[in-house]
Amino acid sequence: MNSLTTFLLAHKRFVLTTHVNPDGDALGSELALAAWLTGRDKDVAIINCSTTPFVYRFLDPKERIRVFEERRDADALLSADVIAVVDTNHPNRTDGMEELIMRSPATKICIDHHLDPGKFAEHYFIDPDATSTGEILYRLLECDADHNLSPEIARPLYCAIMTDTGSFRYPRVDAEVHRMVARLIEAGADPVETYRNVYDRWSNGRVRLLGEALGSLRVTGNGGIASIGITKDMLERTGTSEEDTDNFTTYPMSIDGVCIGLLFVEIPEGTKISFRSRGEIPLNRLAQEFGGNGHKNAAGARIRGKSLPALRDAVLRAAEKYLIPPAQHP
């Protein structure tokens, strides 16, 4: 991490960005990195291809994050010294920003914890064993002996780690992660405020959407696979959007005996799938079969031009072969 710190401190103008439909890890990592760079007298812009979901807007009281508009933001991307892509390692996940990012003469860096990075950056700072991109950035800031953690850094980093560890319940959470989180709390992160904003501020429409989604539950694979599907009609009836489906994968995975959970969401261009699994089941391989990727136990895919019903049947059939004993996986 010393090399990343040295690299960042050697440049002046930065643009930070992340993947479409950013989550708590993506947004928290951007905001923490921006706060650290600003504290080191750097010029920083955070430009995302998607709006910030409602539940995460508390992280950005100064509204530093702006939604990409080519006419306004092209110059920032083309004149930056460094474009930092965080929490994703494929430029196409930046959606409409990809062309300008790739055309910019800026040095591109990738800070991420996902597998199989694309070839687009000059420098990669990737740790697939990290719980989150927030954890990687925490370790980066530890290398800066001249800069203490501030509340503006600690709060978004805490949210990044909390959300990508499922509130500290996923397998990679160990004693060191808890020590890290303790230091963030000492530096100003508020666990109560963060949890309340992210998980306890549901709209009436989102609660109704969950009810409809649970009504679509299907359990297959002799009880080993559970899936729910959300159609465009459900979203319209409840006045909700894709961002309101965040963390819905928790519900199929909570069924006793289920080791693969799937969430299907119809989006304007096709269907989004979220894949979850327990233990050694490599769900990232299943996601790859449908053009996606991710971690072994948490992955995703966005499939253009495919309706939910036909795609759901195909994915469920493909998922069944991952229920075999882990030792038999190639």
C-alpha atoms as a PDB file:
ATOM      1  CA  MET A   1       0.000   0.000   0.000  1.00  0.00           C
ATOM      2  CA  ASN A   2       2.954   2.353   0.435  1.00  0.00           C
ATOM      3  CA  SER A   3       3.304   2.441  -3.358  1.00  0.00           C
ATOM      4  CA  LEU A   4      -0.319   3.552  -3.777  1.00  0.00           C
ATOM      5  CA  THR A   5       0.058   6.275  -1.164  1.00  0.00           C
ATOM      6  CA  THR A   6       3.231   7.531  -2.823  1.00  0.00           C
ATOM      7  CA  PHE A   7       1.573   7.489  -6.242  1.00  0.00           C
ATOM      8  CA  LEU A   8      -1.460   9.445  -5.102  1.00  0.00           C
ATOM      9  CA  LEU A   9       0.562  12.086  -3.294  1.00  0.00           C
ATOM     10  CA  ALA A  10       2.604  12.709  -6.444  1.00  0.00           C
ATOM     11  CA  HIS A  11      -0.408  14.001  -8.426  1.00  0.00           C
ATOM     12  CA  LYS A  12      -2.748  16.966  -8.149  1.00  0.00           C
ATOM     13  CA  ARG A  13      -6.006  16.588 -10.127  1.00  0.00           C
ATOM     14  CA  PHE A  14      -8.210  13.543  -9.501  1.00  0.00           C
ATOM     15  CA  VAL A  15     -11.518  12.188 -10.728  1.00  0.00           C
ATOM     16  CA  LEU A  16     -13.022   9.356  -8.689  1.00  0.00           C
ATOM     17  CA  THR A  17     -15.756   7.106 -10.037  1.00  0.00           C
ATOM     18  CA  THR A  18     -17.369   3.725  -9.517  1.00  0.00           C
ATOM     19  CA  HIS A  19     -19.846   1.271 -10.953  1.00  0.00           C
ATOM     20  CA  VAL A  20     -23.426   1.792 -12.089  1.00  0.00           C
ATOM     21  CA  ASN A  21     -25.975   1.710  -9.238  1.00  0.00           C
ATOM     22  CA  PRO A  22     -23.344   2.219  -6.530  1.00  0.00           C
ATOM     23  CA  ASP A  23     -23.643   0.487  -3.169  1.00  0.00           C
ATOM     24  CA  GLY A  24     -22.370   1.428   0.267  1.00  0.00           C
ATOM     25  CA  ASP A  25     -18.863   0.122  -0.377  1.00  0.00           C
ATOM     26  CA  ALA A  26     -18.518   2.032  -3.639  1.00  0.00           C
ATOM     27  CA  LEU A  27     -19.855   5.317  -2.287  1.00  0.00           C
ATOM     28  CA  GLY A  28     -18.131   5.077   1.086  1.00  0.00           C
ATOM     29  CA  SER A  29     -14.814   4.325  -0.587  1.00  0.00           C
ATOM     30  CA  GLU A  30     -15.113   7.257  -2.988  1.00  0.00           C
ATOM     31  CA  LEU A  31     -16.031   9.710  -0.254  1.00  0.00           C
ATOM     32  CA  ALA A  32     -13.310   8.528   2.125  1.00  0.00           C
ATOM     33  CA  LEU A  33     -10.654   8.698  -0.585  1.00  0.00           C
ATOM     34  CA  ALA A  34     -11.881  12.140  -1.639  1.00  0.00           C
ATOM     35  CA  ALA A  35     -11.722  13.403   1.953  1.00  0.00           C
ATOM     36  CA  TRP A  36      -8.177  12.097   2.354  1.00  0.00           C
ATOM     37  CA  LEU A  37      -6.999  13.596  -0.952  1.00  0.00           C
ATOM     38  CA  THR A  38      -8.643  16.932  -0.207  1.00  0.00           C
ATOM     39  CA  GLY A  39      -6.870  16.966   3.142  1.00  0.00           C
ATOM     40  CA  ARG A  40      -3.601  16.602   1.237  1.00  0.00           C
ATOM     41  CA  ASP A  41      -4.423  19.676  -0.899  1.00  0.00           C
ATOM     42  CA  LYS A  42      -5.528  17.775  -4.007  1.00  0.00           C
ATOM     43  CA  ASP A  43      -8.228  18.820  -6.480  1.00  0.00           C
ATOM     44  CA  VAL A  44     -10.872  16.081  -6.417  1.00  0.00           C
ATOM     45  CA  ALA A  45     -14.118  15.493  -8.316  1.00  0.00           C
ATOM     46  CA  ILE A  46     -16.409  12.517  -7.699  1.00  0.00           C
ATOM     47  CA  ILE A  47     -18.407  11.756 -10.832  1.00  0.00           C
ATOM     48  CA  ASN A  48     -20.710   8.729 -11.024  1.00  0.00           C
ATOM     49  CA  CYS A  49     -22.844   7.394 -13.834  1.00  0.00           C
ATOM     50  CA  SER A  50     -25.796   6.794 -11.462  1.00  0.00           C
ATOM     51  CA  THR A  51     -27.536   8.817  -8.808  1.00  0.00           C
ATOM     52  CA  THR A  52     -26.737   8.057  -5.177  1.00  0.00           C
ATOM     53  CA  PRO A  53     -29.408   5.775  -3.677  1.00  0.00           C
ATOM     54  CA  PHE A  54     -31.543   7.473  -1.039  1.00  0.00           C
ATOM     55  CA  VAL A  55     -30.282   5.335   1.849  1.00  0.00           C
ATOM     56  CA  TYR A  56     -26.676   6.437   1.248  1.00  0.00           C
ATOM     57  CA  ARG A  57     -27.192  10.174   0.783  1.00  0.00           C
ATOM     58  CA  PHE A  58     -26.455  10.807   4.449  1.00  0.00           C
ATOM     59  CA  LEU A  59     -22.814   9.996   3.666  1.00  0.00           C
ATOM     60  CA  ASP A  60     -22.550  13.019   1.370  1.00  0.00           C
ATOM     61  CA  PRO A  61     -23.984  16.036   3.236  1.00  0.00           C
ATOM     62  CA  LYS A  62     -21.879  18.419   1.132  1.00  0.00           C
ATOM     63  CA  GLU A  63     -23.169  16.803  -2.087  1.00  0.00           C
ATOM     64  CA  ARG A  64     -19.689  16.202  -3.430  1.00  0.00           C
ATOM     65  CA  ILE A  65     -20.872  13.404  -5.711  1.00  0.00           C
ATOM     66  CA  ARG A  66     -22.304  14.535  -9.013  1.00  0.00           C
ATOM     67  CA  VAL A  67     -24.077  12.514 -11.686  1.00  0.00           C
ATOM     68  CA  PHE A  68     -22.228  12.402 -14.986  1.00  0.00           C
ATOM     69  CA  GLU A  69     -23.243  14.895 -17.653  1.00  0.00           C
ATOM     70  CA  GLU A  70     -20.938  14.728 -20.659  1.00  0.00           C
ATOM     71  CA  ARG A  71     -21.135  18.403 -21.599  1.00  0.00           C
ATOM     72  CA  ARG A  72     -20.277  19.504 -18.064  1.00  0.00           C
ATOM     73  CA  ASP A  73     -17.867  16.741 -17.015  1.00  0.00           C
ATOM     74  CA  ALA A  74     -15.866  15.880 -20.126  1.00  0.00           C
ATOM     75  CA  ASP A  75     -13.218  18.482 -19.356  1.00  0.00           C
ATOM     76  CA  ALA A  76     -12.707  17.164 -15.814  1.00  0.00           C
ATOM     77  CA  LEU A  77     -12.139  13.643 -17.127  1.00  0.00           C
ATOM     78  CA  LEU A  78      -9.885  14.728 -19.972  1.00  0.00           C
ATOM     79  CA  SER A  79      -7.763  17.101 -17.883  1.00  0.00           C
ATOM     80  CA  ALA A  80      -7.345  14.942 -14.767  1.00  0.00           C
ATOM     81  CA  ASP A  81      -3.929  13.666 -13.753  1.00  0.00           C
ATOM     82  CA  VAL A  82      -5.487  10.514 -12.299  1.00  0.00           C
ATOM     83  CA  ILE A  83      -8.816   8.761 -12.777  1.00  0.00           C
ATOM     84  CA  ALA A  84      -9.417   6.346  -9.906  1.00  0.00           C
ATOM     85  CA  VAL A  85     -12.013   3.640 -10.506  1.00  0.00           C
ATOM     86  CA  VAL A  86     -13.044   2.099  -7.196  1.00  0.00           C
ATOM     87  CA  ASP A  87     -15.040  -1.025  -6.309  1.00  0.00           C
ATOM     88  CA  THR A  88     -15.142  -2.289  -9.872  1.00  0.00           C
ATOM     89  CA  ASN A  89     -12.414  -3.511 -12.186  1.00  0.00           C
ATOM     90  CA  HIS A  90     -14.122  -3.292 -15.567  1.00  0.00           C
ATOM     91  CA  PRO A  91     -14.605   0.092 -17.271  1.00  0.00           C
ATOM     92  CA  ASN A  92     -17.911  -0.938 -18.858  1.00  0.00           C
ATOM     93  CA  ARG A  93     -19.382  -0.904 -15.329  1.00  0.00           C
ATOM     94  CA  THR A  94     -19.044   2.892 -15.454  1.00  0.00           C
ATOM     95  CA  ASP A  95     -21.717   2.859 -18.165  1.00  0.00           C
ATOM     96  CA  GLY A  96     -21.810   6.099 -20.205  1.00  0.00           C
ATOM     97  CA  MET A  97     -18.511   7.326 -18.749  1.00  0.00           C
ATOM     98  CA  GLU A  98     -16.435   4.506 -20.233  1.00  0.00           C
ATOM     99  CA  GLU A  99     -15.584   6.167 -23.545  1.00  0.00           C
ATOM    100  CA  LEU A 100     -14.275   9.358 -21.943  1.00  0.00           C
ATOM    101  CA  ILE A 101     -12.386   7.452 -19.250  1.00  0.00           C
ATOM    102  CA  MET A 102     -10.586   5.375 -21.844  1.00  0.00           C
ATOM    103  CA  ARG A 103      -9.892   8.409 -24.086  1.00  0.00           C
ATOM    104  CA  SER A 104      -8.533  10.539 -21.262  1.00  0.00           C
ATOM    105  CA  PRO A 105      -4.727  10.872 -21.071  1.00  0.00           C
ATOM    106  CA  ALA A 106      -5.030  10.626 -17.277  1.00  0.00           C
ATOM    107  CA  THR A 107      -3.320   7.754 -15.511  1.00  0.00           C
ATOM    108  CA  LYS A 108      -5.988   5.204 -14.619  1.00  0.00           C
ATOM    109  CA  ILE A 109      -5.843   3.319 -11.362  1.00  0.00           C
ATOM    110  CA  CYS A 110      -8.146   0.606 -10.104  1.00  0.00           C
ATOM    111  CA  ILE A 111      -8.780   0.058  -6.387  1.00  0.00           C
ATOM    112  CA  ASP A 112     -10.961  -2.982  -5.875  1.00  0.00           C
ATOM    113  CA  HIS A 113     -11.509  -6.367  -4.226  1.00  0.00           C
ATOM    114  CA  HIS A 114     -13.148  -8.301  -7.068  1.00  0.00           C
ATOM    115  CA  LEU A 115     -11.621 -11.056  -9.182  1.00  0.00           C
ATOM    116  CA  ASP A 116     -10.593 -11.033 -12.859  1.00  0.00           C
ATOM    117  CA  PRO A 117      -9.843  -7.364 -13.592  1.00  0.00           C
ATOM    118  CA  GLY A 118     -10.172  -6.010 -17.098  1.00  0.00           C
ATOM    119  CA  LYS A 119      -7.147  -4.510 -18.847  1.00  0.00           C
ATOM    120  CA  PHE A 120      -7.802  -0.791 -18.750  1.00  0.00           C
ATOM    121  CA  ALA A 121      -5.657   0.771 -16.010  1.00  0.00           C
ATOM    122  CA  GLU A 122      -1.967   1.528 -15.641  1.00  0.00           C
ATOM    123  CA  HIS A 123      -1.995   0.593 -11.957  1.00  0.00           C
ATOM    124  CA  TYR A 124      -4.070  -1.997 -10.095  1.00  0.00           C
ATOM    125  CA  PHE A 125      -4.437  -2.115  -6.336  1.00  0.00           C
ATOM    126  CA  ILE A 126      -6.601  -5.202  -5.943  1.00  0.00           C
ATOM    127  CA  ASP A 127      -6.992  -7.545  -3.007  1.00  0.00           C
ATOM    128  CA  PRO A 128      -9.627 -10.245  -3.600  1.00  0.00           C
ATOM    129  CA  ASP A 129      -9.153 -11.437  -0.023  1.00  0.00           C
ATOM    130  CA  ALA A 130     -10.313  -8.093   1.399  1.00  0.00           C
ATOM    131  CA  THR A 131     -13.854  -7.863   2.745  1.00  0.00           C
ATOM    132  CA  SER A 132     -14.448  -4.637   0.836  1.00  0.00           C
ATOM    133  CA  THR A 133     -12.847  -1.823  -1.099  1.00  0.00           C
ATOM    134  CA  GLY A 134     -13.293   0.169   2.105  1.00  0.00           C
ATOM    135  CA  GLU A 135     -10.912  -2.216   3.875  1.00  0.00           C
ATOM    136  CA  ILE A 136      -8.292  -1.699   1.151  1.00  0.00           C
ATOM    137  CA  LEU A 137      -8.574   2.073   1.520  1.00  0.00           C
ATOM    138  CA  TYR A 138      -8.331   1.810   5.296  1.00  0.00           C
ATOM    139  CA  ARG A 139      -5.018   0.005   4.877  1.00  0.00           C
ATOM    140  CA  LEU A 140      -3.942   2.694   2.391  1.00  0.00           C
ATOM    141  CA  LEU A 141      -4.588   5.425   4.931  1.00  0.00           C
ATOM    142  CA  GLU A 142      -2.687   3.509   7.590  1.00  0.00           C
ATOM    143  CA  CYS A 143       0.392   3.987   5.417  1.00  0.00           C
ATOM    144  CA  ASP A 144       0.092   7.782   5.663  1.00  0.00           C
ATOM    145  CA  ALA A 145       1.781   8.462   8.958  1.00  0.00           C
ATOM    146  CA  ASP A 146       1.317  12.212   8.494  1.00  0.00           C
ATOM    147  CA  HIS A 147      -2.479  12.118   8.293  1.00  0.00           C
ATOM    148  CA  ASN A 148      -4.814  10.967  11.055  1.00  0.00           C
ATOM    149  CA  LEU A 149      -8.257   9.532  10.439  1.00  0.00           C
ATOM    150  CA  SER A 150     -10.887  12.280  10.485  1.00  0.00           C
ATOM    151  CA  PRO A 151     -14.653  11.811  10.955  1.00  0.00           C
ATOM    152  CA  GLU A 152     -15.078  12.695   7.258  1.00  0.00           C
ATOM    153  CA  ILE A 153     -12.955   9.649   6.407  1.00  0.00           C
ATOM    154  CA  ALA A 154     -14.074   7.307   9.198  1.00  0.00           C
ATOM    155  CA  ARG A 155     -17.827   7.595   8.604  1.00  0.00           C
ATOM    156  CA  PRO A 156     -17.902   6.546   4.940  1.00  0.00           C
ATOM    157  CA  LEU A 157     -15.240   3.873   5.481  1.00  0.00           C
ATOM    158  CA  TYR A 158     -17.297   2.348   8.286  1.00  0.00           C
ATOM    159  CA  CYS A 159     -20.349   2.259   6.002  1.00  0.00           C
ATOM    160  CA  ALA A 160     -18.286   0.714   3.202  1.00  0.00           C
ATOM    161  CA  ILE A 161     -17.066  -2.120   5.397  1.00  0.00           C
ATOM    162  CA  MET A 162     -20.376  -2.619   7.206  1.00  0.00           C
ATOM    163  CA  THR A 163     -22.446  -2.981   4.046  1.00  0.00           C
ATOM    164  CA  ASP A 164     -20.040  -5.240   2.142  1.00  0.00           C
ATOM    165  CA  THR A 165     -19.663  -7.576   5.102  1.00  0.00           C
ATOM    166  CA  GLY A 166     -23.419  -7.928   5.615  1.00  0.00           C
ATOM    167  CA  SER A 167     -23.112  -6.066   8.922  1.00  0.00           C
ATOM    168  CA  PHE A 168     -19.989  -8.058   9.823  1.00  0.00           C
ATOM    169  CA  ARG A 169     -21.488 -11.521   9.370  1.00  0.00           C
ATOM    170  CA  TYR A 170     -19.718 -12.823   6.238  1.00  0.00           C
ATOM    171  CA  PRO A 171     -16.913 -15.426   6.440  1.00  0.00           C
ATOM    172  CA  ARG A 172     -13.976 -13.066   5.811  1.00  0.00           C
ATOM    173  CA  VAL A 173     -14.809 -10.971   8.870  1.00  0.00           C
ATOM    174  CA  ASP A 174     -12.101 -11.716  11.423  1.00  0.00           C
ATOM    175  CA  ALA A 175     -10.677 -10.130  14.555  1.00  0.00           C
ATOM    176  CA  GLU A 176      -8.567  -7.673  12.558  1.00  0.00           C
ATOM    177  CA  VAL A 177     -11.637  -6.373  10.703  1.00  0.00           C
ATOM    178  CA  HIS A 178     -13.319  -5.740  14.044  1.00  0.00           C
ATOM    179  CA  ARG A 179     -10.202  -3.947  15.298  1.00  0.00           C
ATOM    180  CA  MET A 180     -10.244  -1.850  12.144  1.00  0.00           C
ATOM    181  CA  VAL A 181     -13.893  -0.974  12.701  1.00  0.00           C
ATOM    182  CA  ALA A 182     -13.181  -0.111  16.337  1.00  0.00           C
ATOM    183  CA  ARG A 183     -10.566   2.398  15.193  1.00  0.00           C
ATOM    184  CA  LEU A 184     -13.056   3.920  12.759  1.00  0.00           C
ATOM    185  CA  ILE A 185     -15.585   4.324  15.580  1.00  0.00           C
ATOM    186  CA  GLU A 186     -12.928   5.976  17.728  1.00  0.00           C
ATOM    187  CA  ALA A 187     -12.263   8.350  14.816  1.00  0.00           C
ATOM    188  CA  GLY A 188     -15.895   9.435  14.524  1.00  0.00           C
ATOM    189  CA  ALA A 189     -17.959   6.740  12.782  1.00  0.00           C
ATOM    190  CA  ASP A 190     -21.390   6.255  14.336  1.00  0.00           C
ATOM    191  CA  PRO A 191     -22.642   2.634  14.093  1.00  0.00           C
ATOM    192  CA  VAL A 192     -26.188   3.496  15.194  1.00  0.00           C
ATOM    193  CA  GLU A 193     -26.612   6.315  12.687  1.00  0.00           C
ATOM    194  CA  THR A 194     -25.078   4.289   9.874  1.00  0.00           C
ATOM    195  CA  TYR A 195     -27.227   1.205  10.435  1.00  0.00           C
ATOM    196  CA  ARG A 196     -30.400   3.270  10.835  1.00  0.00           C
ATOM    197  CA  ASN A 197     -29.833   5.180   7.604  1.00  0.00           C
ATOM    198  CA  VAL A 198     -28.922   2.137   5.520  1.00  0.00           C
ATOM    199  CA  TYR A 199     -31.328  -0.491   6.870  1.00  0.00           C
ATOM    200  CA  ASP A 200     -34.107   1.212   8.851  1.00  0.00           C
ATOM    201  CA  ARG A 201     -35.396   3.908   6.491  1.00  0.00           C
ATOM    202  CA  TRP A 202     -37.694   2.007   4.164  1.00  0.00           C
ATOM    203  CA  SER A 203     -40.374   3.765   2.170  1.00  0.00           C
ATOM    204  CA  ASN A 204     -43.927   2.433   2.153  1.00  0.00           C
ATOM    205  CA  GLY A 205     -43.392   1.410  -1.467  1.00  0.00           C
ATOM    206  CA  ARG A 206     -40.263  -0.572  -0.670  1.00  0.00           C
ATOM    207  CA  VAL A 207     -42.058  -2.560   2.026  1.00  0.00           C
ATOM    208  CA  ARG A 208     -44.860  -3.355  -0.422  1.00  0.00           C
ATOM    209  CA  LEU A 209     -42.297  -4.302  -3.073  1.00  0.00           C
ATOM    210  CA  LEU A 210     -40.710  -6.774  -0.670  1.00  0.00           C
ATOM    211  CA  GLY A 211     -44.126  -8.305  -0.069  1.00  0.00           C
ATOM    212  CA  GLU A 212     -44.672  -8.805  -3.803  1.00  0.00           C
ATOM    213  CA  ALA A 213     -41.139 -10.137  -4.251  1.00  0.00           C
ATOM    214  CA  LEU A 214     -41.601 -12.712  -1.496  1.00  0.00           C
ATOM    215  CA  GLY A 215     -44.811 -13.762  -3.198  1.00  0.00           C
ATOM    216  CA  SER A 216     -42.699 -14.764  -6.212  1.00  0.00           C
ATOM    217  CA  LEU A 217     -40.497 -17.099  -4.124  1.00  0.00           C
ATOM    218  CA  ARG A 218     -39.499 -20.373  -5.756  1.00  0.00           C
ATOM    219  CA  VAL A 219     -37.545 -23.102  -3.985  1.00  0.00           C
ATOM    220  CA  THR A 220     -35.899 -25.637  -6.298  1.00  0.00           C
ATOM    221  CA  GLY A 221     -32.953 -28.034  -6.307  1.00  0.00           C
ATOM    222  CA  ASN A 222     -34.491 -30.217  -3.590  1.00  0.00           C
ATOM    223  CA  GLY A 223     -34.618 -27.237  -1.278  1.00  0.00           C
ATOM    224  CA  GLY A 224     -31.089 -26.004  -1.978  1.00  0.00           C
ATOM    225  CA  ILE A 225     -31.942 -23.061  -4.260  1.00  0.00           C
ATOM    226  CA  ALA A 226     -34.312 -20.175  -3.510  1.00  0.00           C
ATOM    227  CA  SER A 227     -35.091 -17.312  -5.867  1.00  0.00           C
ATOM    228  CA  ILE A 228     -37.322 -14.274  -6.044  1.00  0.00           C
ATOM    229  CA  GLY A 229     -38.182 -12.177  -9.076  1.00  0.00           C
ATOM    230  CA  ILE A 230     -39.155  -8.536  -9.406  1.00  0.00           C
ATOM    231  CA  THR A 231     -40.858  -7.382 -12.586  1.00  0.00           C
ATOM    232  CA  LYS A 232     -41.246  -3.914 -14.060  1.00  0.00           C
ATOM    233  CA  ASP A 233     -44.935  -4.105 -13.173  1.00  0.00           C
ATOM    234  CA  MET A 234     -44.078  -4.654  -9.498  1.00  0.00           C
ATOM    235  CA  LEU A 235     -41.785  -1.627  -9.528  1.00  0.00           C
ATOM    236  CA  GLU A 236     -44.449   0.518 -11.183  1.00  0.00           C
ATOM    237  CA  ARG A 237     -47.234  -0.610  -8.827  1.00  0.00           C
ATOM    238  CA  THR A 238     -45.181   0.161  -5.738  1.00  0.00           C
ATOM    239  CA  GLY A 239     -43.562   3.354  -7.028  1.00  0.00           C
ATOM    240  CA  THR A 240     -40.080   1.918  -6.519  1.00  0.00           C
ATOM    241  CA  SER A 241     -36.925   1.423  -8.555  1.00  0.00           C
ATOM    242  CA  GLU A 242     -33.981  -0.933  -8.869  1.00  0.00           C
ATOM    243  CA  GLU A 243     -32.184   0.694  -5.947  1.00  0.00           C
ATOM    244  CA  ASP A 244     -35.039  -0.336  -3.644  1.00  0.00           C
ATOM    245  CA  THR A 245     -34.119  -3.996  -4.189  1.00  0.00           C
ATOM    246  CA  ASP A 246     -30.798  -3.583  -2.384  1.00  0.00           C
ATOM    247  CA  ASN A 247     -30.219  -6.431   0.115  1.00  0.00           C
ATOM    248  CA  PHE A 248     -33.321  -8.376  -0.988  1.00  0.00           C
ATOM    249  CA  THR A 249     -31.020 -11.372  -1.495  1.00  0.00           C
ATOM    250  CA  THR A 250     -31.051 -11.722   2.295  1.00  0.00           C
ATOM    251  CA  TYR A 251     -34.542 -13.239   2.193  1.00  0.00           C
ATOM    252  CA  PRO A 252     -34.089 -16.286  -0.068  1.00  0.00           C
ATOM    253  CA  MET A 253     -30.787 -17.007   1.705  1.00  0.00           C
ATOM    254  CA  SER A 254     -32.531 -17.005   5.096  1.00  0.00           C
ATOM    255  CA  ILE A 255     -34.523 -20.164   4.305  1.00  0.00           C
ATOM    256  CA  ASP A 256     -33.235 -23.185   6.198  1.00  0.00           C
ATOM    257  CA  GLY A 257     -31.421 -25.580   3.879  1.00  0.00           C
ATOM    258  CA  VAL A 258     -30.889 -23.053   1.084  1.00  0.00           C
ATOM    259  CA  CYS A 259     -27.288 -22.629  -0.038  1.00  0.00           C
ATOM    260  CA  ILE A 260     -27.891 -20.696  -3.286  1.00  0.00           C
ATOM    261  CA  GLY A 261     -30.024 -17.548  -3.351  1.00  0.00           C
ATOM    262  CA  LEU A 262     -30.934 -15.631  -6.497  1.00  0.00           C
ATOM    263  CA  LEU A 263     -32.619 -12.283  -7.066  1.00  0.00           C
ATOM    264  CA  PHE A 264     -33.927 -11.380 -10.538  1.00  0.00           C
ATOM    265  CA  VAL A 265     -34.891  -7.773 -11.281  1.00  0.00           C
ATOM    266  CA  GLU A 266     -36.263  -6.497 -14.569  1.00  0.00           C
ATOM    267  CA  ILE A 267     -34.452  -3.325 -15.641  1.00  0.00           C
ATOM    268  CA  PRO A 268     -35.039  -1.156 -18.726  1.00  0.00           C
ATOM    269  CA  GLU A 269     -32.348  -2.892 -20.769  1.00  0.00           C
ATOM    270  CA  GLY A 270     -33.054  -6.460 -19.655  1.00  0.00           C
ATOM    271  CA  THR A 271     -32.633  -8.313 -16.357  1.00  0.00           C
ATOM    272  CA  LYS A 272     -30.270  -7.959 -13.410  1.00  0.00           C
ATOM    273  CA  ILE A 273     -29.327 -11.040 -11.385  1.00  0.00           C
ATOM    274  CA  SER A 274     -27.774 -11.120  -7.915  1.00  0.00           C
ATOM    275  CA  PHE A 275     -26.160 -14.438  -6.933  1.00  0.00           C
ATOM    276  CA  ARG A 276     -25.431 -15.533  -3.347  1.00  0.00           C
ATOM    277  CA  SER A 277     -24.153 -18.803  -1.911  1.00  0.00           C
ATOM    278  CA  ARG A 278     -22.818 -20.400   1.240  1.00  0.00           C
ATOM    279  CA  GLY A 279     -19.562 -22.225   1.877  1.00  0.00           C
ATOM    280  CA  GLU A 280     -17.483 -23.365  -1.061  1.00  0.00           C
ATOM    281  CA  ILE A 281     -20.120 -23.028  -3.781  1.00  0.00           C
ATOM    282  CA  PRO A 282     -18.481 -20.848  -6.497  1.00  0.00           C
ATOM    283  CA  LEU A 283     -21.388 -18.676  -7.585  1.00  0.00           C
ATOM    284  CA  ASN A 284     -19.051 -16.357  -9.479  1.00  0.00           C
ATOM    285  CA  ARG A 285     -18.693 -19.171 -12.011  1.00  0.00           C
ATOM    286  CA  LEU A 286     -22.454 -19.322 -12.444  1.00  0.00           C
ATOM    287  CA  ALA A 287     -22.508 -15.543 -12.925  1.00  0.00           C
ATOM    288  CA  GLN A 288     -19.792 -15.864 -15.560  1.00  0.00           C
ATOM    289  CA  GLU A 289     -22.003 -18.248 -17.530  1.00  0.00           C
ATOM    290  CA  PHE A 290     -24.411 -15.333 -17.936  1.00  0.00           C
ATOM    291  CA  GLY A 291     -21.889 -12.580 -18.599  1.00  0.00           C
ATOM    292  CA  GLY A 292     -21.374 -11.500 -15.004  1.00  0.00           C
ATOM    293  CA  ASN A 293     -18.714 -11.913 -12.329  1.00  0.00           C
ATOM    294  CA  GLY A 294     -17.949 -11.288  -8.693  1.00  0.00           C
ATOM    295  CA  HIS A 295     -16.802 -13.127  -5.595  1.00  0.00           C
ATOM    296  CA  LYS A 296     -17.190 -16.843  -4.923  1.00  0.00           C
ATOM    297  CA  ASN A 297     -20.214 -16.293  -2.660  1.00  0.00           C
ATOM    298  CA  ALA A 298     -21.564 -13.004  -4.051  1.00  0.00           C
ATOM    299  CA  ALA A 299     -21.750 -12.087  -7.714  1.00  0.00           C
ATOM    300  CA  GLY A 300     -23.935 -10.320 -10.225  1.00  0.00           C
ATOM    301  CA  ALA A 301     -24.854 -10.024 -13.884  1.00  0.00           C
ATOM    302  CA  ARG A 302     -26.823  -7.645 -16.071  1.00  0.00           C
ATOM    303  CA  ILE A 303     -28.225  -9.340 -19.170  1.00  0.00           C
ATOM    304  CA  ARG A 304     -29.465  -7.146 -21.988  1.00  0.00           C
ATOM    305  CA  GLY A 305     -32.505  -8.072 -24.024  1.00  0.00           C
ATOM    306  CA  LYS A 306     -33.584 -11.027 -21.879  1.00  0.00           C
ATOM    307  CA  SER A 307     -36.944 -11.134 -20.107  1.00  0.00           C
ATOM    308  CA  LEU A 308     -37.144 -12.303 -16.512  1.00  0.00           C
ATOM    309  CA  PRO A 309     -39.315 -15.446 -16.931  1.00  0.00           C
ATOM    310  CA  ALA A 310     -37.209 -17.184 -19.593  1.00  0.00           C
ATOM    311  CA  LEU A 311     -33.922 -16.145 -18.017  1.00  0.00           C
ATOM    312  CA  ARG A 312     -34.979 -17.248 -14.552  1.00  0.00           C
ATOM    313  CA  ASP A 313     -35.706 -20.777 -15.732  1.00  0.00           C
ATOM    314  CA  ALA A 314     -32.362 -20.993 -17.531  1.00  0.00           C
ATOM    315  CA  VAL A 315     -30.377 -19.730 -14.534  1.00  0.00           C
ATOM    316  CA  LEU A 316     -32.160 -22.056 -12.105  1.00  0.00           C
ATOM    317  CA  ARG A 317     -31.373 -25.035 -14.316  1.00  0.00           C
ATOM    318  CA  ALA A 318     -27.721 -23.968 -14.530  1.00  0.00           C
ATOM    319  CA  ALA A 319     -27.548 -23.401 -10.759  1.00  0.00           C
ATOM    320  CA  GLU A 320     -28.450 -26.988  -9.940  1.00  0.00           C
ATOM    321  CA  LYS A 321     -25.058 -28.320 -11.012  1.00  0.00           C
ATOM    322  CA  TYR A 322     -23.434 -26.124  -8.346  1.00  0.00           C
ATOM    323  CA  LEU A 323     -25.248 -28.040  -5.628  1.00  0.00           C
ATOM    324  CA  ILE A 324     -22.908 -31.004  -6.003  1.00  0.00           C
ATOM    325  CA  PRO A 325     -20.354 -31.521  -3.201  1.00  0.00           C
ATOM    326  CA  PRO A 326     -17.688 -28.773  -3.338  1.00  0.00           C
ATOM    327  CA  ALA A 327     -14.871 -31.317  -3.765  1.00  0.00           C
ATOM    328  CA  GLN A 328     -16.328 -32.283  -7.118  1.00  0.00           C
ATOM    329  CA  HIS A 329     -16.136 -28.777  -8.563  1.00  0.00           C
ATOM    330  CA  PRO A 330     -13.393 -28.509 -11.217  1.00  0.00           C
END
